[in-house]
Amino acid sequence: MRIHNVALHVHQAGEGYPILCLHGHPGSGASLSVFTQHLSQRFQTLAPDLRGYGNSPAKAEFALSAHLGDLAAVLDHYAVSHCLILGWSLGGILAMELALKLPQRVRGLILVASAARPWGNHPPITWQDNLYTGIASILNWLRPGWQWNIDTFGRRSLYRYLVQQQTPATYEYLAREAMPAYLKTSGAAHRALAQALKSRYNRLEALGQIQAPCLVLAGALDRHIAPEASFETAQHLQNSSWICYPNTAHLFPWEIPQQVLQDIDCWLSLHPEITHL
């Protein structure tokens, strides 16, 4: 589909109440399969590749705010009058922005490893970090989930800040979904995010306008968006539930997928008004 002169690719699955699923940076709609494969059994999931990501090329520079117009057009294209939005990392930021821009269309938010005032405590990156990450990534691409690679290179690489439970299953997600998404993330997308972060993005004071129920999920050892930042966001939301998972990091849905999906299902059962057609 073409939106604002951008060829936007959307991964659509299932039928029923629409859930708009927004990926992080770097990412793609396909990298949300841990959520969409489960949720599409009961709902319609729409997981776009954001502009400049995946199979949605960016032909020119753009600001982060351009995603909002693109996403509103996605809802229009699929005739979505109201929906639930699930956003992971950057996707959570866009989810909150859409709820502020289109309050009548957003009935609920699931914010995964995200924050309205994002900050982290990632240590400085060394050349050894980059070397081990490159080796671990190549070997994991060739042989996903190889325990020897995890123990030898993965635990010394930057993956140690992204996941705590470095299991073969988690590394299979990294090979199958993270690596292709990383390779397809455009320079324009990198620059758009960098510019937003440079401007010290902070939407905490606006969150009181969001009345819809919100589920805020965080990894206790997240170095990219600190759990304290996610908790701060939950506190500023009018109607939020907060869960922080011990011994997990920024990619915790790939570390403990069954627990995360169970908690989402439980939250949805407590808020049937969100997905009522």
C-alpha atoms as a PDB file:
ATOM      1  CA  MET A   1       0.000   0.000   0.000  1.00  0.00           C
ATOM      2  CA  ARG A   2       1.170   3.557  -0.706  1.00  0.00           C
ATOM      3  CA  ILE A   3       0.908   6.129   2.078  1.00  0.00           C
ATOM      4  CA  HIS A   4       2.218   9.680   1.784  1.00  0.00           C
ATOM      5  CA  ASN A   5       4.262   8.584  -1.263  1.00  0.00           C
ATOM      6  CA  VAL A   6       5.789   5.806   0.845  1.00  0.00           C
ATOM      7  CA  ALA A   7       5.339   2.154  -0.096  1.00  0.00           C
ATOM      8  CA  LEU A   8       4.391   0.865   3.340  1.00  0.00           C
ATOM      9  CA  HIS A   9       4.403  -2.891   3.867  1.00  0.00           C
ATOM     10  CA  VAL A  10       1.901  -4.281   6.399  1.00  0.00           C
ATOM     11  CA  HIS A  11       1.897  -7.794   7.876  1.00  0.00           C
ATOM     12  CA  GLN A  12      -1.787  -8.636   8.364  1.00  0.00           C
ATOM     13  CA  ALA A  13      -3.101 -11.781  10.054  1.00  0.00           C
ATOM     14  CA  GLY A  14      -6.238 -13.053  11.739  1.00  0.00           C
ATOM     15  CA  GLU A  15      -9.750 -11.687  11.958  1.00  0.00           C
ATOM     16  CA  GLY A  16     -11.769  -9.745  14.483  1.00  0.00           C
ATOM     17  CA  TYR A  17     -10.915  -6.769  16.645  1.00  0.00           C
ATOM     18  CA  PRO A  18      -7.876  -4.913  15.239  1.00  0.00           C
ATOM     19  CA  ILE A  19      -4.586  -4.695  17.113  1.00  0.00           C
ATOM     20  CA  LEU A  20      -1.982  -2.378  15.616  1.00  0.00           C
ATOM     21  CA  CYS A  21       1.465  -3.786  16.434  1.00  0.00           C
ATOM     22  CA  LEU A  22       4.429  -1.414  16.214  1.00  0.00           C
ATOM     23  CA  HIS A  23       8.039  -2.544  16.148  1.00  0.00           C
ATOM     24  CA  GLY A  24      11.116  -0.926  17.626  1.00  0.00           C
ATOM     25  CA  HIS A  25      14.431   0.269  16.223  1.00  0.00           C
ATOM     26  CA  PRO A  26      15.902  -1.501  14.385  1.00  0.00           C
ATOM     27  CA  GLY A  27      12.970  -3.739  13.601  1.00  0.00           C
ATOM     28  CA  SER A  28      10.151  -4.644  11.266  1.00  0.00           C
ATOM     29  CA  GLY A  29       6.597  -5.902  11.441  1.00  0.00           C
ATOM     30  CA  ALA A  30       7.910  -9.440  11.102  1.00  0.00           C
ATOM     31  CA  SER A  31       9.983  -9.056  14.278  1.00  0.00           C
ATOM     32  CA  LEU A  32       6.715  -8.852  16.250  1.00  0.00           C
ATOM     33  CA  SER A  33       5.765 -12.447  15.442  1.00  0.00           C
ATOM     34  CA  VAL A  34       6.151 -13.389  19.113  1.00  0.00           C
ATOM     35  CA  PHE A  35       3.006 -11.300  19.641  1.00  0.00           C
ATOM     36  CA  THR A  36       1.167 -11.525  16.329  1.00  0.00           C
ATOM     37  CA  GLN A  37       1.240 -15.309  15.993  1.00  0.00           C
ATOM     38  CA  HIS A  38      -0.503 -15.571  19.347  1.00  0.00           C
ATOM     39  CA  LEU A  39      -2.876 -12.614  19.128  1.00  0.00           C
ATOM     40  CA  SER A  40      -3.959 -13.300  15.536  1.00  0.00           C
ATOM     41  CA  GLN A  41      -5.650 -16.488  16.739  1.00  0.00           C
ATOM     42  CA  ARG A  42      -8.373 -14.248  18.237  1.00  0.00           C
ATOM     43  CA  PHE A  43      -7.864 -10.821  16.715  1.00  0.00           C
ATOM     44  CA  GLN A  44      -6.823  -9.102  13.518  1.00  0.00           C
ATOM     45  CA  THR A  45      -3.190  -8.015  13.818  1.00  0.00           C
ATOM     46  CA  LEU A  46      -1.727  -5.258  11.656  1.00  0.00           C
ATOM     47  CA  ALA A  47       2.052  -5.005  11.923  1.00  0.00           C
ATOM     48  CA  PRO A  48       3.452  -2.429   9.486  1.00  0.00           C
ATOM     49  CA  ASP A  49       7.077  -2.026   8.575  1.00  0.00           C
ATOM     50  CA  LEU A  50       7.508   1.611   9.597  1.00  0.00           C
ATOM     51  CA  ARG A  51       8.858   4.066   7.058  1.00  0.00           C
ATOM     52  CA  GLY A  52      12.521   3.318   6.469  1.00  0.00           C
ATOM     53  CA  TYR A  53      12.319  -0.142   8.023  1.00  0.00           C
ATOM     54  CA  GLY A  54      11.867  -3.641   6.625  1.00  0.00           C
ATOM     55  CA  ASN A  55      10.137  -3.559   3.254  1.00  0.00           C
ATOM     56  CA  SER A  56       8.979   0.063   3.616  1.00  0.00           C
ATOM     57  CA  PRO A  57      11.756   2.090   1.962  1.00  0.00           C
ATOM     58  CA  ALA A  58      12.460   5.716   2.797  1.00  0.00           C
ATOM     59  CA  LYS A  59      13.332   7.697  -0.324  1.00  0.00           C
ATOM     60  CA  ALA A  60      14.122  10.868   1.612  1.00  0.00           C
ATOM     61  CA  GLU A  61      14.970  12.086   5.093  1.00  0.00           C
ATOM     62  CA  PHE A  62      12.039  12.283   7.511  1.00  0.00           C
ATOM     63  CA  ALA A  63      11.221  13.244  11.084  1.00  0.00           C
ATOM     64  CA  LEU A  64      10.030  10.710  13.631  1.00  0.00           C
ATOM     65  CA  SER A  65       6.626  12.398  13.619  1.00  0.00           C
ATOM     66  CA  ALA A  66       6.126  11.268   9.997  1.00  0.00           C
ATOM     67  CA  HIS A  67       5.334   7.790  11.305  1.00  0.00           C
ATOM     68  CA  LEU A  68       2.156   9.129  12.905  1.00  0.00           C
ATOM     69  CA  GLY A  69       0.662  10.225   9.604  1.00  0.00           C
ATOM     70  CA  ASP A  70       1.669   6.912   8.048  1.00  0.00           C
ATOM     71  CA  LEU A  71       0.025   4.933  10.837  1.00  0.00           C
ATOM     72  CA  ALA A  72      -3.184   6.953  10.764  1.00  0.00           C
ATOM     73  CA  ALA A  73      -3.340   6.191   7.046  1.00  0.00           C
ATOM     74  CA  VAL A  74      -2.880   2.467   7.789  1.00  0.00           C
ATOM     75  CA  LEU A  75      -5.920   2.597  10.072  1.00  0.00           C
ATOM     76  CA  ASP A  76      -7.872   4.380   7.339  1.00  0.00           C
ATOM     77  CA  HIS A  77      -6.793   1.858   4.702  1.00  0.00           C
ATOM     78  CA  TYR A  78      -8.055  -1.060   6.811  1.00  0.00           C
ATOM     79  CA  ALA A  79     -11.198   0.860   7.850  1.00  0.00           C
ATOM     80  CA  VAL A  80     -10.209   0.693  11.531  1.00  0.00           C
ATOM     81  CA  SER A  81     -12.427   2.994  13.577  1.00  0.00           C
ATOM     82  CA  HIS A  82     -10.879   1.980  16.904  1.00  0.00           C
ATOM     83  CA  CYS A  83      -8.145  -0.398  17.974  1.00  0.00           C
ATOM     84  CA  LEU A  84      -5.710  -1.604  20.600  1.00  0.00           C
ATOM     85  CA  ILE A  85      -2.066  -0.684  20.002  1.00  0.00           C
ATOM     86  CA  LEU A  86       0.885  -2.814  21.081  1.00  0.00           C
ATOM     87  CA  GLY A  87       4.254  -1.081  20.805  1.00  0.00           C
ATOM     88  CA  TRP A  88       7.733  -2.383  21.569  1.00  0.00           C
ATOM     89  CA  SER A  89      10.447   0.190  22.406  1.00  0.00           C
ATOM     90  CA  LEU A  90      10.163   2.899  19.707  1.00  0.00           C
ATOM     91  CA  GLY A  91       6.827   1.331  18.825  1.00  0.00           C
ATOM     92  CA  GLY A  92       5.587   2.104  22.329  1.00  0.00           C
ATOM     93  CA  ILE A  93       6.528   5.755  21.926  1.00  0.00           C
ATOM     94  CA  LEU A  94       4.583   5.891  18.663  1.00  0.00           C
ATOM     95  CA  ALA A  95       1.670   4.116  20.353  1.00  0.00           C
ATOM     96  CA  MET A  96       1.468   6.837  23.003  1.00  0.00           C
ATOM     97  CA  GLU A  97       1.735   9.555  20.365  1.00  0.00           C
ATOM     98  CA  LEU A  98      -1.113   8.000  18.386  1.00  0.00           C
ATOM     99  CA  ALA A  99      -3.245   7.772  21.527  1.00  0.00           C
ATOM    100  CA  LEU A 100      -2.648  11.491  22.074  1.00  0.00           C
ATOM    101  CA  LYS A 101      -3.319  12.364  18.435  1.00  0.00           C
ATOM    102  CA  LEU A 102      -6.288  10.033  17.868  1.00  0.00           C
ATOM    103  CA  PRO A 103      -7.873   9.423  21.303  1.00  0.00           C
ATOM    104  CA  GLN A 104     -11.209   8.410  19.800  1.00  0.00           C
ATOM    105  CA  ARG A 105      -9.558   5.590  17.836  1.00  0.00           C
ATOM    106  CA  VAL A 106      -7.272   4.129  20.505  1.00  0.00           C
ATOM    107  CA  ARG A 107      -9.020   2.027  23.151  1.00  0.00           C
ATOM    108  CA  GLY A 108      -5.952   0.640  24.882  1.00  0.00           C
ATOM    109  CA  LEU A 109      -2.169   0.474  24.894  1.00  0.00           C
ATOM    110  CA  ILE A 110       0.329  -2.297  25.579  1.00  0.00           C
ATOM    111  CA  LEU A 111       3.746  -0.690  26.037  1.00  0.00           C
ATOM    112  CA  VAL A 112       6.679  -3.093  25.896  1.00  0.00           C
ATOM    113  CA  ALA A 113      10.133  -1.878  27.027  1.00  0.00           C
ATOM    114  CA  SER A 114       9.173   1.697  26.284  1.00  0.00           C
ATOM    115  CA  ALA A 115       8.850   5.085  27.970  1.00  0.00           C
ATOM    116  CA  ALA A 116       7.537   8.590  27.406  1.00  0.00           C
ATOM    117  CA  ARG A 117      10.880   9.941  28.673  1.00  0.00           C
ATOM    118  CA  PRO A 118      13.246   7.230  27.487  1.00  0.00           C
ATOM    119  CA  TRP A 119      16.623   6.891  29.112  1.00  0.00           C
ATOM    120  CA  GLY A 120      18.995   4.041  29.800  1.00  0.00           C
ATOM    121  CA  ASN A 121      22.313   3.153  31.367  1.00  0.00           C
ATOM    122  CA  HIS A 122      24.099   1.322  28.584  1.00  0.00           C
ATOM    123  CA  PRO A 123      27.882   1.166  29.201  1.00  0.00           C
ATOM    124  CA  PRO A 124      30.274   2.601  26.595  1.00  0.00           C
ATOM    125  CA  ILE A 125      30.733   0.309  23.607  1.00  0.00           C
ATOM    126  CA  THR A 126      34.273  -0.975  23.020  1.00  0.00           C
ATOM    127  CA  TRP A 127      35.891  -2.374  19.909  1.00  0.00           C
ATOM    128  CA  GLN A 128      35.853  -5.779  21.588  1.00  0.00           C
ATOM    129  CA  ASP A 129      32.082  -5.461  22.014  1.00  0.00           C
ATOM    130  CA  ASN A 130      31.678  -4.799  18.298  1.00  0.00           C
ATOM    131  CA  LEU A 131      34.068  -7.602  17.355  1.00  0.00           C
ATOM    132  CA  TYR A 132      32.341 -10.234  19.482  1.00  0.00           C
ATOM    133  CA  THR A 133      28.908  -9.018  18.384  1.00  0.00           C
ATOM    134  CA  GLY A 134      29.877  -9.362  14.741  1.00  0.00           C
ATOM    135  CA  ILE A 135      31.263 -12.869  15.219  1.00  0.00           C
ATOM    136  CA  ALA A 136      28.321 -13.982  17.353  1.00  0.00           C
ATOM    137  CA  SER A 137      25.842 -12.583  14.814  1.00  0.00           C
ATOM    138  CA  ILE A 138      27.456 -14.268  11.818  1.00  0.00           C
ATOM    139  CA  LEU A 139      27.711 -17.634  13.563  1.00  0.00           C
ATOM    140  CA  ASN A 140      24.168 -17.312  14.882  1.00  0.00           C
ATOM    141  CA  TRP A 141      22.957 -16.530  11.370  1.00  0.00           C
ATOM    142  CA  LEU A 142      24.646 -19.674  10.062  1.00  0.00           C
ATOM    143  CA  ARG A 143      23.608 -21.879  12.999  1.00  0.00           C
ATOM    144  CA  PRO A 144      20.808 -20.276  15.045  1.00  0.00           C
ATOM    145  CA  GLY A 145      20.842 -21.031  18.760  1.00  0.00           C
ATOM    146  CA  TRP A 146      24.235 -22.805  18.758  1.00  0.00           C
ATOM    147  CA  GLN A 147      25.124 -23.084  22.433  1.00  0.00           C
ATOM    148  CA  TRP A 148      28.882 -22.987  21.820  1.00  0.00           C
ATOM    149  CA  ASN A 149      28.521 -19.652  20.010  1.00  0.00           C
ATOM    150  CA  ILE A 150      26.330 -18.276  22.793  1.00  0.00           C
ATOM    151  CA  ASP A 151      28.829 -19.246  25.482  1.00  0.00           C
ATOM    152  CA  THR A 152      31.951 -18.281  23.537  1.00  0.00           C
ATOM    153  CA  PHE A 153      30.952 -15.061  21.779  1.00  0.00           C
ATOM    154  CA  GLY A 154      27.349 -14.164  22.610  1.00  0.00           C
ATOM    155  CA  ARG A 155      27.943 -13.627  26.313  1.00  0.00           C
ATOM    156  CA  ARG A 156      30.867 -11.291  25.533  1.00  0.00           C
ATOM    157  CA  SER A 157      28.976  -9.345  22.863  1.00  0.00           C
ATOM    158  CA  LEU A 158      26.454  -6.515  23.006  1.00  0.00           C
ATOM    159  CA  TYR A 159      23.774  -9.179  23.211  1.00  0.00           C
ATOM    160  CA  ARG A 160      24.560  -9.378  26.927  1.00  0.00           C
ATOM    161  CA  TYR A 161      22.850  -5.996  27.300  1.00  0.00           C
ATOM    162  CA  LEU A 162      19.849  -6.965  25.179  1.00  0.00           C
ATOM    163  CA  VAL A 163      19.046 -10.327  26.766  1.00  0.00           C
ATOM    164  CA  GLN A 164      19.863 -11.814  30.134  1.00  0.00           C
ATOM    165  CA  GLN A 165      18.566 -15.334  29.606  1.00  0.00           C
ATOM    166  CA  GLN A 166      20.826 -16.207  26.700  1.00  0.00           C
ATOM    167  CA  THR A 167      19.079 -19.378  25.632  1.00  0.00           C
ATOM    168  CA  PRO A 168      19.089 -21.068  22.216  1.00  0.00           C
ATOM    169  CA  ALA A 169      15.421 -20.118  21.758  1.00  0.00           C
ATOM    170  CA  THR A 170      16.241 -16.440  22.311  1.00  0.00           C
ATOM    171  CA  TYR A 171      19.137 -16.594  19.865  1.00  0.00           C
ATOM    172  CA  GLU A 172      16.871 -18.206  17.290  1.00  0.00           C
ATOM    173  CA  TYR A 173      14.681 -15.091  17.475  1.00  0.00           C
ATOM    174  CA  LEU A 174      17.801 -12.957  17.030  1.00  0.00           C
ATOM    175  CA  ALA A 175      18.803 -14.877  13.917  1.00  0.00           C
ATOM    176  CA  ARG A 176      15.350 -15.160  12.377  1.00  0.00           C
ATOM    177  CA  GLU A 177      13.941 -11.720  13.121  1.00  0.00           C
ATOM    178  CA  ALA A 178      16.487  -9.286  14.567  1.00  0.00           C
ATOM    179  CA  MET A 179      19.240  -9.756  11.996  1.00  0.00           C
ATOM    180  CA  PRO A 180      17.082  -9.298   8.864  1.00  0.00           C
ATOM    181  CA  ALA A 181      15.400  -6.266  10.459  1.00  0.00           C
ATOM    182  CA  TYR A 182      18.750  -4.703  11.352  1.00  0.00           C
ATOM    183  CA  LEU A 183      20.079  -5.157   7.827  1.00  0.00           C
ATOM    184  CA  LYS A 184      16.975  -3.526   6.308  1.00  0.00           C
ATOM    185  CA  THR A 185      16.883  -0.486   8.608  1.00  0.00           C
ATOM    186  CA  SER A 186      17.708   2.596   6.550  1.00  0.00           C
ATOM    187  CA  GLY A 187      20.096   5.388   7.362  1.00  0.00           C
ATOM    188  CA  ALA A 188      17.158   7.797   7.300  1.00  0.00           C
ATOM    189  CA  ALA A 189      15.452   5.793  10.050  1.00  0.00           C
ATOM    190  CA  HIS A 190      18.623   5.821  12.160  1.00  0.00           C
ATOM    191  CA  ARG A 191      18.921   9.582  11.749  1.00  0.00           C
ATOM    192  CA  ALA A 192      15.251  10.270  12.507  1.00  0.00           C
ATOM    193  CA  LEU A 193      15.499   8.438  15.827  1.00  0.00           C
ATOM    194  CA  ALA A 194      18.850  10.026  16.687  1.00  0.00           C
ATOM    195  CA  GLN A 195      17.398  13.482  16.112  1.00  0.00           C
ATOM    196  CA  ALA A 196      14.424  12.771  18.378  1.00  0.00           C
ATOM    197  CA  LEU A 197      16.690  11.501  21.147  1.00  0.00           C
ATOM    198  CA  LYS A 198      19.024  14.463  20.712  1.00  0.00           C
ATOM    199  CA  SER A 199      16.090  16.793  21.329  1.00  0.00           C
ATOM    200  CA  ARG A 200      15.562  15.039  24.706  1.00  0.00           C
ATOM    201  CA  TYR A 201      12.178  13.581  23.854  1.00  0.00           C
ATOM    202  CA  ASN A 202       9.826  13.853  26.858  1.00  0.00           C
ATOM    203  CA  ARG A 203       6.033  13.452  26.743  1.00  0.00           C
ATOM    204  CA  LEU A 204       5.366  12.678  30.402  1.00  0.00           C
ATOM    205  CA  GLU A 205       3.252  15.752  31.032  1.00  0.00           C
ATOM    206  CA  ALA A 206       0.922  14.914  28.137  1.00  0.00           C
ATOM    207  CA  LEU A 207       0.178  11.386  29.348  1.00  0.00           C
ATOM    208  CA  GLY A 208      -2.631  12.552  31.622  1.00  0.00           C
ATOM    209  CA  GLN A 209      -4.683  13.056  28.464  1.00  0.00           C
ATOM    210  CA  ILE A 210      -4.686   9.302  27.760  1.00  0.00           C
ATOM    211  CA  GLN A 211      -7.732   7.773  29.409  1.00  0.00           C
ATOM    212  CA  ALA A 212      -7.551   4.336  27.784  1.00  0.00           C
ATOM    213  CA  PRO A 213      -6.330   1.361  29.842  1.00  0.00           C
ATOM    214  CA  CYS A 214      -2.591   0.759  29.486  1.00  0.00           C
ATOM    215  CA  LEU A 215      -0.391  -2.231  30.245  1.00  0.00           C
ATOM    216  CA  VAL A 216       3.258  -1.284  30.789  1.00  0.00           C
ATOM    217  CA  LEU A 217       5.811  -4.123  30.661  1.00  0.00           C
ATOM    218  CA  ALA A 218       9.530  -3.854  31.410  1.00  0.00           C
ATOM    219  CA  GLY A 219      12.643  -5.958  31.858  1.00  0.00           C
ATOM    220  CA  ALA A 220      14.328  -5.398  35.223  1.00  0.00           C
ATOM    221  CA  LEU A 221      17.823  -5.332  33.663  1.00  0.00           C
ATOM    222  CA  ASP A 222      16.998  -3.318  30.538  1.00  0.00           C
ATOM    223  CA  ARG A 223      19.996  -1.082  29.724  1.00  0.00           C
ATOM    224  CA  HIS A 224      18.421   0.561  26.649  1.00  0.00           C
ATOM    225  CA  ILE A 225      15.214   1.889  28.229  1.00  0.00           C
ATOM    226  CA  ALA A 226      15.614   1.565  31.975  1.00  0.00           C
ATOM    227  CA  PRO A 227      12.730  -0.039  33.894  1.00  0.00           C
ATOM    228  CA  GLU A 228      12.624   3.097  36.047  1.00  0.00           C
ATOM    229  CA  ALA A 229      11.765   5.082  32.897  1.00  0.00           C
ATOM    230  CA  SER A 230       8.950   2.658  32.073  1.00  0.00           C
ATOM    231  CA  PHE A 231       7.672   2.839  35.642  1.00  0.00           C
ATOM    232  CA  GLU A 232       7.726   6.637  35.483  1.00  0.00           C
ATOM    233  CA  THR A 233       5.552   6.391  32.374  1.00  0.00           C
ATOM    234  CA  ALA A 234       3.124   4.022  34.101  1.00  0.00           C
ATOM    235  CA  GLN A 235       2.803   6.466  36.986  1.00  0.00           C
ATOM    236  CA  HIS A 236       1.854   9.325  34.656  1.00  0.00           C
ATOM    237  CA  LEU A 237      -0.826   7.313  32.848  1.00  0.00           C
ATOM    238  CA  GLN A 238      -4.331   7.585  34.277  1.00  0.00           C
ATOM    239  CA  ASN A 239      -5.287   3.917  33.960  1.00  0.00           C
ATOM    240  CA  SER A 240      -2.216   1.693  33.883  1.00  0.00           C
ATOM    241  CA  SER A 241      -1.013  -1.709  35.015  1.00  0.00           C
ATOM    242  CA  TRP A 242       2.711  -2.323  35.516  1.00  0.00           C
ATOM    243  CA  ILE A 243       4.744  -5.525  35.328  1.00  0.00           C
ATOM    244  CA  CYS A 244       8.530  -5.739  35.615  1.00  0.00           C
ATOM    245  CA  TYR A 245      10.154  -9.095  34.835  1.00  0.00           C
ATOM    246  CA  PRO A 246      13.250 -10.082  36.844  1.00  0.00           C
ATOM    247  CA  ASN A 247      16.425 -11.285  35.137  1.00  0.00           C
ATOM    248  CA  THR A 248      15.375  -9.988  31.710  1.00  0.00           C
ATOM    249  CA  ALA A 249      16.475  -7.109  29.487  1.00  0.00           C
ATOM    250  CA  HIS A 250      15.242  -5.066  26.526  1.00  0.00           C
ATOM    251  CA  LEU A 251      14.293  -8.092  24.422  1.00  0.00           C
ATOM    252  CA  PHE A 252      12.440  -9.848  27.238  1.00  0.00           C
ATOM    253  CA  PRO A 253       9.526 -10.985  25.000  1.00  0.00           C
ATOM    254  CA  TRP A 254      12.080 -13.251  23.305  1.00  0.00           C
ATOM    255  CA  GLU A 255      13.414 -14.422  26.675  1.00  0.00           C
ATOM    256  CA  ILE A 256      10.131 -15.316  28.412  1.00  0.00           C
ATOM    257  CA  PRO A 257       7.502 -15.297  25.643  1.00  0.00           C
ATOM    258  CA  GLN A 258       4.981 -17.553  27.349  1.00  0.00           C
ATOM    259  CA  GLN A 259       4.934 -15.467  30.535  1.00  0.00           C
ATOM    260  CA  VAL A 260       4.558 -12.219  28.613  1.00  0.00           C
ATOM    261  CA  LEU A 261       1.721 -13.558  26.453  1.00  0.00           C
ATOM    262  CA  GLN A 262      -0.017 -14.991  29.499  1.00  0.00           C
ATOM    263  CA  ASP A 263       0.120 -11.602  31.218  1.00  0.00           C
ATOM    264  CA  ILE A 264      -1.241  -9.860  28.124  1.00  0.00           C
ATOM    265  CA  ASP A 265      -4.105 -12.351  27.911  1.00  0.00           C
ATOM    266  CA  CYS A 266      -4.878 -11.834  31.589  1.00  0.00           C
ATOM    267  CA  TRP A 267      -4.897  -8.050  31.204  1.00  0.00           C
ATOM    268  CA  LEU A 268      -7.181  -8.266  28.180  1.00  0.00           C
ATOM    269  CA  SER A 269      -9.590 -10.466  30.130  1.00  0.00           C
ATOM    270  CA  LEU A 270      -9.725  -7.778  32.832  1.00  0.00           C
ATOM    271  CA  HIS A 271     -10.550  -5.118  30.229  1.00  0.00           C
ATOM    272  CA  PRO A 272     -13.117  -6.649  27.860  1.00  0.00           C
ATOM    273  CA  GLU A 273     -14.258  -3.141  26.911  1.00  0.00           C
ATOM    274  CA  ILE A 274     -11.064  -2.640  24.916  1.00  0.00           C
ATOM    275  CA  THR A 275     -11.741  -5.330  22.308  1.00  0.00           C
ATOM    276  CA  HIS A 276     -15.529  -5.120  22.270  1.00  0.00           C
ATOM    277  CA  LEU A 277     -16.622  -4.536  18.669  1.00  0.00           C
END
